[in-house]
């Protein structure tokens, strides 16, 4: 059984995910897996950064957002 409120929250997240710029060798305090290996924009996971590593790097926020919309199977339509 799917909770409609949880589904709406997840849909909302993938329409407007947390996208963060990180520099190479930076070590974000909540990032699983150690230091950043490449500079760029990263899409943070819905679950928790300590659970899954953010996806990226992307050259810009727009590309990261397009990825989130296409790969996560969500849209704002």
Protein backbone atom coordinates (compact mmCIF):
# COMPACT_ATOMS: atom_id res chain seq x y z
CA UNK A 1 0.00 0.00 0.00
CA UNK A 2 1.33 3.43 -0.94
CA UNK A 3 0.85 6.42 1.32
CA UNK A 4 -0.47 9.27 -0.92
CA UNK A 5 1.28 11.93 1.18
CA UNK A 6 4.62 10.13 0.93
CA UNK A 7 4.16 9.77 -2.83
CA UNK A 8 3.45 13.50 -3.19
CA UNK A 9 6.50 14.36 -1.08
CA UNK A 10 8.74 12.16 -3.23
CA UNK A 11 7.30 13.58 -6.47
CA UNK A 12 7.90 17.07 -5.15
CA UNK A 13 11.50 16.24 -4.25
CA UNK A 14 12.38 14.98 -7.73
CA UNK A 15 10.80 18.04 -9.35
CA UNK A 16 12.96 20.28 -7.17
CA UNK A 17 15.81 18.17 -5.71
CA UNK A 18 18.62 19.42 -3.51
CA UNK A 19 21.46 20.31 -5.89
CA UNK A 20 24.78 21.32 -4.32
CA UNK A 21 28.08 22.50 -5.81
CA UNK A 22 31.18 20.75 -4.44
CA UNK A 23 34.86 21.27 -5.18
CA UNK A 24 37.25 18.38 -5.73
CA UNK A 25 38.73 17.08 -2.47
CA UNK A 26 36.01 18.75 -0.39
CA UNK A 27 34.69 16.50 2.35
CA UNK A 28 31.06 17.34 3.05
CA UNK A 29 30.25 16.40 6.63
CA UNK A 30 27.16 14.38 5.75
CA UNK A 31 28.46 12.73 2.58
CA UNK A 32 28.91 8.98 2.58
CA UNK A 33 32.06 7.63 0.94
CA UNK A 34 34.63 10.29 1.71
CA UNK A 35 35.91 13.20 -0.30
CA UNK A 36 34.52 14.62 -3.52
CA UNK A 37 36.52 13.22 -6.45
CA UNK A 38 35.37 15.70 -9.13
CA UNK A 39 34.21 19.31 -9.02
CA UNK A 40 30.63 20.02 -10.07
CA UNK A 41 26.98 20.05 -9.11
CA UNK A 42 25.56 17.00 -7.34
CA UNK A 43 21.97 15.84 -6.91
CA UNK A 44 21.45 14.73 -3.34
CA UNK A 45 19.45 11.54 -2.86
CA UNK A 46 15.90 11.58 -1.56
CA UNK A 47 16.74 9.14 1.22
CA UNK A 48 19.74 10.72 2.97
CA UNK A 49 23.31 11.59 1.92
CA UNK A 50 24.57 9.26 4.65
CA UNK A 51 22.61 6.44 3.02
CA UNK A 52 23.49 7.00 -0.64
CA UNK A 53 26.18 9.06 -2.31
CA UNK A 54 24.89 12.07 -4.33
CA UNK A 55 24.83 11.70 -8.12
CA UNK A 56 27.15 13.81 -10.23
CA UNK A 57 29.09 15.78 -11.03
CA UNK A 58 27.10 17.84 -13.48
CA UNK A 59 28.44 20.95 -15.23
CA UNK A 60 25.54 23.14 -14.07
CA UNK A 61 22.34 23.08 -12.05
CA UNK A 62 20.16 22.87 -15.16
CA UNK A 63 21.83 19.65 -16.30
CA UNK A 64 21.53 18.18 -12.81
CA UNK A 65 17.84 19.07 -12.73
CA UNK A 66 17.24 17.53 -16.18
CA UNK A 67 18.95 14.36 -14.98
CA UNK A 68 16.76 14.22 -11.88
CA UNK A 69 13.59 14.64 -13.94
CA UNK A 70 14.54 12.02 -16.54
CA UNK A 71 16.36 9.40 -14.50
CA UNK A 72 14.24 9.48 -11.38
CA UNK A 73 11.06 9.03 -13.40
CA UNK A 74 9.38 12.14 -12.11
CA UNK A 75 8.02 15.15 -13.93
CA UNK A 76 6.16 18.32 -13.12
CA UNK A 77 3.48 17.62 -15.72
